[in-house]
Amino acid sequence: MFESVEVIKNKCKEKNIELWQLVLEEDSKTGQFTKEEIIENLTKMLEVMEGSANVNLDKPSKTEMGMIDGFAHRMKNYSDNNETITGDFITNAMAMAFSTLESSACMGKIVASPTAGSSGILPAALTSMKNRYNFTTDKLVESMLTAVGVGKIIGRYSSFAGAEGGCQAETGSGAAMAAGAITYLLGGDIDQIFNAASIAYIHVLGLVCDPIAGLVEYPCTFRNASGVVNAFISSDMSLAGIKSIVPFEQVCIAVEEVGSNLPESLRETGLGGLAGTDVGKQIMHEFLEKNKNIGTKTPEKIEVGD
């Protein structure tokens, strides 16, 4: 069913339904959840997304490694008190993307959308759209189903894992899914939804995954902030009538090919790129020293605070 945009378009036309309705219909056929249960679960996920996007805006976060402490708070404070270059809509969205990554680093509740490493993009996008346009929960859930439809093609032809395809596979897929959701919310048709997703994915083609100390924090947090901006500008391009010459499923195939050709050091191993810098290696050493006994302690020896 989700093998190409053309097949999806034809099926939607045949049934006279939108992409989100097709996703809901097909997912309910598995028998695992009814349509009502799917909507209920997504509504709960939306609440978690909004929570993670907002939780670190008003006060600085404090993470275990201290690499990304307070980024969300600083960004929000800057947005509120300055005439920013990109405008407060964008700077607030970046702050919300930072917030979710900080929440993840603090072991807070997030929605991996589609992964922990890209979990800041869709929440920031949807919360921003809600704040600006006052969309209802029902409409936002429909946009989440639209994002799932985009993700189904990604999952068929590519990967969501940085360990397989670099950060293009994580924040790239997150941005593509968010771009599709945003475009749907703004009235885009199915062609515009997938054009937006294609453009967002193309923007990060070849992006490596080089987390310092192997942690989903740095530079991941920056790529989530830029990822939500990527989603917004890609949606604007598509709604303006700009099209991707290469169909979305072929873009996904290209992402998979590029990812498979990335060296191991640039696929979430914490060895190359920023992780391989002198500072990156020092942080890795400190992290390993701090956690060298993890996995060797018996439950009886573990104390509170270990």
Protein backbone atom coordinates (compact mmCIF):
# COMPACT_ATOMS: atom_id res chain seq x y z
CA MET A 1 0.00 0.00 0.00
CA PHE A 2 2.68 2.52 0.99
CA GLU A 3 5.16 1.64 -1.74
CA SER A 4 4.95 4.93 -3.63
CA VAL A 5 3.27 8.31 -3.55
CA GLU A 6 1.43 7.43 -6.75
CA VAL A 7 -0.09 4.29 -5.23
CA ILE A 8 -1.13 6.26 -2.14
CA LYS A 9 -2.65 9.02 -4.27
CA ASN A 10 -4.62 6.53 -6.33
CA LYS A 11 -5.93 4.75 -3.25
CA CYS A 12 -6.96 8.03 -1.63
CA LYS A 13 -8.69 9.12 -4.83
CA GLU A 14 -10.45 5.77 -5.17
CA LYS A 15 -11.77 5.95 -1.61
CA ASN A 16 -12.23 9.75 -1.63
CA ILE A 17 -10.25 10.11 1.58
CA GLU A 18 -7.19 12.02 2.78
CA LEU A 19 -3.80 10.56 3.61
CA TRP A 20 -4.41 10.56 7.37
CA GLN A 21 -7.64 8.62 6.88
CA LEU A 22 -5.87 6.03 4.73
CA VAL A 23 -3.20 5.56 7.39
CA LEU A 24 -5.85 5.17 10.08
CA GLU A 25 -7.79 2.69 7.98
CA GLU A 26 -4.77 0.57 7.10
CA ASP A 27 -3.31 0.55 10.62
CA SER A 28 -6.63 -0.54 12.11
CA LYS A 29 -6.66 -3.55 9.79
CA THR A 30 -3.77 -5.14 11.68
CA GLY A 31 -6.16 -5.95 14.49
CA GLN A 32 -3.82 -4.63 17.15
CA PHE A 33 -5.79 -1.43 17.72
CA THR A 34 -9.16 -0.12 16.60
CA LYS A 35 -9.42 3.29 14.93
CA GLU A 36 -10.69 4.72 18.18
CA GLU A 37 -7.77 3.27 20.13
CA ILE A 38 -5.27 4.62 17.59
CA ILE A 39 -6.75 8.10 17.93
CA GLU A 40 -6.71 7.79 21.72
CA ASN A 41 -3.06 6.67 21.76
CA LEU A 42 -2.00 9.48 19.44
CA THR A 43 -3.85 12.00 21.59
CA LYS A 44 -1.87 10.81 24.61
CA MET A 45 1.35 11.04 22.60
CA LEU A 46 0.45 14.59 21.58
CA GLU A 47 0.09 15.53 25.26
CA VAL A 48 3.55 14.10 25.97
CA MET A 49 4.98 15.96 22.97
CA GLU A 50 3.56 19.28 24.13
CA GLY A 51 4.85 18.63 27.62
CA SER A 52 8.39 17.87 26.50
CA ALA A 53 8.40 20.87 24.15
CA ASN A 54 7.50 23.24 26.98
CA VAL A 55 9.02 21.74 30.12
CA ASN A 56 12.45 23.39 29.91
CA LEU A 57 11.49 26.81 28.56
CA ASP A 58 10.97 28.68 31.82
CA LYS A 59 13.94 27.41 33.79
CA PRO A 60 17.35 26.01 32.81
CA SER A 61 17.63 22.24 32.60
CA LYS A 62 20.45 20.32 34.26
CA THR A 63 21.54 17.17 32.43
CA GLU A 64 23.90 14.46 33.59
CA MET A 65 26.78 15.39 31.27
CA GLY A 66 26.10 19.14 31.17
CA MET A 67 26.65 19.43 27.42
CA ILE A 68 23.27 20.93 26.56
CA ASP A 69 22.12 22.44 29.87
CA GLY A 70 19.72 25.36 29.55
CA PHE A 71 19.75 25.73 25.76
CA ALA A 72 15.94 25.82 25.61
CA HIS A 73 15.69 28.42 28.36
CA ARG A 74 18.37 30.61 26.78
CA MET A 75 16.71 30.40 23.36
CA LYS A 76 13.28 31.24 24.77
CA ASN A 77 14.67 34.14 26.80
CA TYR A 78 16.47 35.48 23.73
CA SER A 79 13.30 35.12 21.67
CA ASP A 80 11.19 36.96 24.24
CA ASN A 81 13.58 39.85 24.79
CA ASN A 82 15.13 40.57 21.41
CA GLU A 83 14.20 41.44 17.87
CA THR A 84 15.48 38.18 16.43
CA ILE A 85 16.78 37.66 12.92
CA THR A 86 14.34 34.89 12.06
CA GLY A 87 11.38 36.06 14.15
CA ASP A 88 9.93 34.74 17.37
CA PHE A 89 7.94 31.95 15.69
CA ILE A 90 11.14 30.27 14.52
CA THR A 91 13.20 31.02 17.63
CA ASN A 92 10.44 29.71 19.90
CA ALA A 93 10.21 26.56 17.78
CA MET A 94 13.95 26.02 18.16
CA ALA A 95 13.62 26.52 21.92
CA MET A 96 10.94 23.81 22.01
CA ALA A 97 13.10 21.41 20.02
CA PHE A 98 15.94 22.02 22.50
CA SER A 99 13.50 21.42 25.36
CA THR A 100 12.58 17.90 24.25
CA LEU A 101 16.21 16.86 23.77
CA GLU A 102 17.04 18.18 27.21
CA SER A 103 14.08 16.29 28.64
CA SER A 104 15.39 13.14 26.98
CA ALA A 105 18.88 13.72 28.42
CA CYS A 106 17.28 14.12 31.88
CA MET A 107 15.41 10.82 31.45
CA GLY A 108 12.12 12.69 31.13
CA LYS A 109 9.12 11.48 29.16
CA ILE A 110 9.34 11.99 25.39
CA VAL A 111 7.85 10.51 22.24
CA ALA A 112 10.45 8.99 19.92
CA SER A 113 9.15 10.58 16.76
CA PRO A 114 10.53 8.70 14.97
CA THR A 115 13.59 8.24 17.25
CA ALA A 116 14.94 9.64 20.51
CA GLY A 117 17.64 11.40 18.51
CA SER A 118 15.02 13.23 16.44
CA SER A 119 12.35 13.51 19.13
CA GLY A 120 12.43 17.31 19.31
CA ILE A 121 11.34 18.08 15.76
CA LEU A 122 7.72 16.94 15.49
CA PRO A 123 6.76 18.14 19.01
CA ALA A 124 8.22 21.59 18.31
CA ALA A 125 6.49 21.74 14.94
CA LEU A 126 3.06 20.70 16.21
CA THR A 127 3.21 22.83 19.36
CA SER A 128 4.29 25.84 17.31
CA MET A 129 1.42 25.31 14.87
CA LYS A 130 -1.05 24.97 17.73
CA ASN A 131 0.22 28.14 19.40
CA ARG A 132 0.09 30.16 16.22
CA TYR A 133 -3.08 28.87 14.57
CA ASN A 134 -5.03 27.43 17.51
CA PHE A 135 -5.51 24.05 15.85
CA THR A 136 -7.72 21.59 17.70
CA THR A 137 -6.41 18.36 19.17
CA ASP A 138 -8.34 16.42 16.53
CA LYS A 139 -6.67 18.34 13.71
CA LEU A 140 -3.23 17.88 15.25
CA VAL A 141 -3.83 14.14 15.58
CA GLU A 142 -4.77 14.06 11.90
CA SER A 143 -1.46 15.75 11.13
CA MET A 144 0.32 13.11 13.22
CA LEU A 145 -1.32 10.41 11.10
CA THR A 146 -0.15 12.31 8.02
CA ALA A 147 3.39 12.23 9.44
CA VAL A 148 2.99 8.48 9.97
CA GLY A 149 2.05 8.13 6.30
CA VAL A 150 5.30 9.87 5.33
CA GLY A 151 7.18 7.66 7.77
CA LYS A 152 5.76 4.49 6.28
CA ILE A 153 7.50 5.19 2.97
CA ILE A 154 10.71 6.09 4.78
CA GLY A 155 10.54 2.81 6.70
CA ARG A 156 9.97 0.86 3.51
CA TYR A 157 12.92 2.24 1.57
CA SER A 158 15.29 3.72 4.10
CA SER A 159 16.00 3.66 7.83
CA PHE A 160 15.30 5.77 10.90
CA ALA A 161 18.49 4.65 12.66
CA GLY A 162 21.57 6.84 12.83
CA ALA A 163 23.62 3.68 13.28
CA GLU A 164 22.51 2.59 9.81
CA GLY A 165 22.19 5.81 7.87
CA GLY A 166 23.70 8.69 9.80
CA CYS A 167 21.80 11.67 11.15
CA GLN A 168 20.08 12.09 7.79
CA ALA A 169 18.16 8.97 8.77
CA GLU A 170 17.13 10.39 12.17
CA THR A 171 16.67 14.15 12.07
CA GLY A 172 16.16 13.94 8.31
CA SER A 173 13.21 11.60 8.66
CA GLY A 174 11.90 13.63 11.60
CA ALA A 175 12.00 16.80 9.52
CA ALA A 176 10.38 15.09 6.53
CA MET A 177 7.54 13.76 8.68
CA ALA A 178 7.08 17.14 10.35
CA ALA A 179 7.07 18.92 6.99
CA GLY A 180 4.28 16.64 5.83
CA ALA A 181 2.29 17.29 9.00
CA ILE A 182 2.72 21.07 8.76
CA THR A 183 1.72 21.07 5.10
CA TYR A 184 -1.44 19.12 5.88
CA LEU A 185 -2.35 21.57 8.67
CA LEU A 186 -2.01 24.48 6.25
CA GLY A 187 -4.32 22.88 3.70
CA GLY A 188 -1.78 21.28 1.40
CA ASP A 189 -2.85 18.42 -0.83
CA ILE A 190 -1.18 15.03 -0.98
CA ASP A 191 1.30 16.15 -3.65
CA GLN A 192 2.33 19.14 -1.56
CA ILE A 193 2.64 16.97 1.55
CA PHE A 194 5.12 14.63 -0.12
CA ASN A 195 6.92 17.44 -1.93
CA ALA A 196 7.51 19.09 1.44
CA ALA A 197 8.76 15.80 2.87
CA SER A 198 11.09 15.32 -0.12
CA ILE A 199 12.53 18.81 0.17
CA ALA A 200 13.17 18.42 3.90
CA TYR A 201 14.92 15.08 3.37
CA ILE A 202 17.00 16.46 0.51
CA HIS A 203 18.22 19.32 2.71
CA VAL A 204 20.11 16.91 4.96
CA LEU A 205 21.20 14.27 2.46
CA GLY A 206 24.58 13.00 3.66
CA LEU A 207 24.32 14.33 7.22
CA VAL A 208 26.52 12.23 9.50
CA CYS A 209 25.77 10.93 13.00
CA ASP A 210 28.65 11.87 15.33
CA PRO A 211 27.34 12.12 18.90
CA ILE A 212 29.97 12.99 21.50
CA ALA A 213 30.42 10.09 23.94
CA GLY A 214 27.78 8.25 21.94
CA LEU A 215 25.06 10.22 23.75
CA VAL A 216 21.98 11.58 22.03
CA GLU A 217 22.74 15.15 23.12
CA TYR A 218 25.47 16.97 21.20
CA PRO A 219 25.34 17.80 18.28
CA CYS A 220 21.90 16.15 18.13
CA THR A 221 20.20 19.05 19.90
CA PHE A 222 21.32 21.53 17.23
CA ARG A 223 20.09 19.23 14.49
CA ASN A 224 16.68 19.02 16.12
CA ALA A 225 16.47 22.80 16.31
CA SER A 226 17.53 23.16 12.69
CA GLY A 227 15.32 20.19 11.82
CA VAL A 228 12.12 21.95 12.83
CA VAL A 229 13.22 25.02 10.86
CA ASN A 230 13.91 22.69 7.93
CA ALA A 231 10.35 21.35 8.22
CA PHE A 232 8.83 24.85 8.18
CA ILE A 233 10.81 26.14 5.21
CA SER A 234 10.24 22.92 3.26
CA SER A 235 6.51 23.24 3.82
CA ASP A 236 6.58 26.86 2.68
CA MET A 237 8.46 25.89 -0.47
CA SER A 238 5.95 23.19 -1.27
CA LEU A 239 2.92 25.38 -0.58
CA ALA A 240 4.49 28.00 -2.86
CA GLY A 241 4.30 25.45 -5.68
CA ILE A 242 7.94 24.36 -5.66
CA LYS A 243 8.24 20.66 -6.42
CA SER A 244 10.81 17.98 -5.89
CA ILE A 245 11.78 16.52 -9.26
CA VAL A 246 12.65 13.21 -7.60
CA PRO A 247 9.59 11.42 -6.12
CA PHE A 248 9.63 10.92 -2.36
CA GLU A 249 10.19 7.17 -2.43
CA GLN A 250 13.22 7.66 -4.70
CA VAL A 251 14.55 10.33 -2.33
CA CYS A 252 14.27 7.71 0.42
CA ILE A 253 16.19 5.21 -1.70
CA ALA A 254 18.92 7.83 -2.25
CA VAL A 255 19.11 8.48 1.49
CA GLU A 256 19.52 4.76 2.12
CA GLU A 257 22.28 4.48 -0.50
CA VAL A 258 24.17 7.46 0.89
CA GLY A 259 23.78 6.18 4.44
CA SER A 260 25.14 2.76 3.58
CA ASN A 261 28.22 4.42 2.10
CA LEU A 262 29.00 6.46 5.20
CA PRO A 263 32.00 5.11 7.12
CA GLU A 264 31.29 3.36 10.40
CA SER A 265 32.93 6.20 12.32
CA LEU A 266 30.14 8.54 11.16
CA ARG A 267 27.22 6.29 12.02
CA GLU A 268 26.50 6.78 15.72
CA THR A 269 29.65 5.07 16.93
CA GLY A 270 30.98 8.15 18.68
CA LEU A 271 34.30 7.83 16.85
CA GLY A 272 34.38 10.37 14.01
CA GLY A 273 33.20 13.87 13.24
CA LEU A 274 32.66 16.03 16.32
CA ALA A 275 32.99 12.96 18.51
CA GLY A 276 36.50 12.48 17.17
CA THR A 277 37.72 15.97 18.08
CA ASP A 278 40.06 16.46 21.06
CA VAL A 279 37.19 17.85 23.15
CA GLY A 280 34.91 15.05 22.04
CA LYS A 281 37.46 12.42 23.03
CA GLN A 282 38.00 14.06 26.42
CA ILE A 283 34.28 14.06 27.17
CA MET A 284 34.11 10.43 26.10
CA HIS A 285 36.98 9.59 28.47
CA GLU A 286 35.28 11.39 31.35
CA PHE A 287 32.00 9.63 30.60
CA LEU A 288 33.64 6.20 30.54
CA GLU A 289 35.52 6.88 33.76
CA LYS A 290 32.37 8.03 35.47
CA ASN A 291 30.43 4.97 34.35
CA LYS A 292 33.12 2.29 34.29
CA ASN A 293 31.41 0.22 36.98
CA ILE A 294 27.99 0.20 35.34
CA GLY A 295 27.08 -3.35 34.42
CA THR A 296 29.46 -4.88 36.96
CA LYS A 297 27.51 -4.08 40.12
CA THR A 298 25.09 -6.54 41.59
CA PRO A 299 21.65 -5.18 42.55
CA GLU A 300 22.57 -5.46 46.26
CA LYS A 301 25.56 -3.15 45.81
CA ILE A 302 23.77 -0.42 43.91
CA GLU A 303 23.05 2.59 46.11
CA VAL A 304 20.69 5.48 45.54
CA GLY A 305 22.43 8.04 43.36
CA ASP A 306 24.64 5.51 41.51
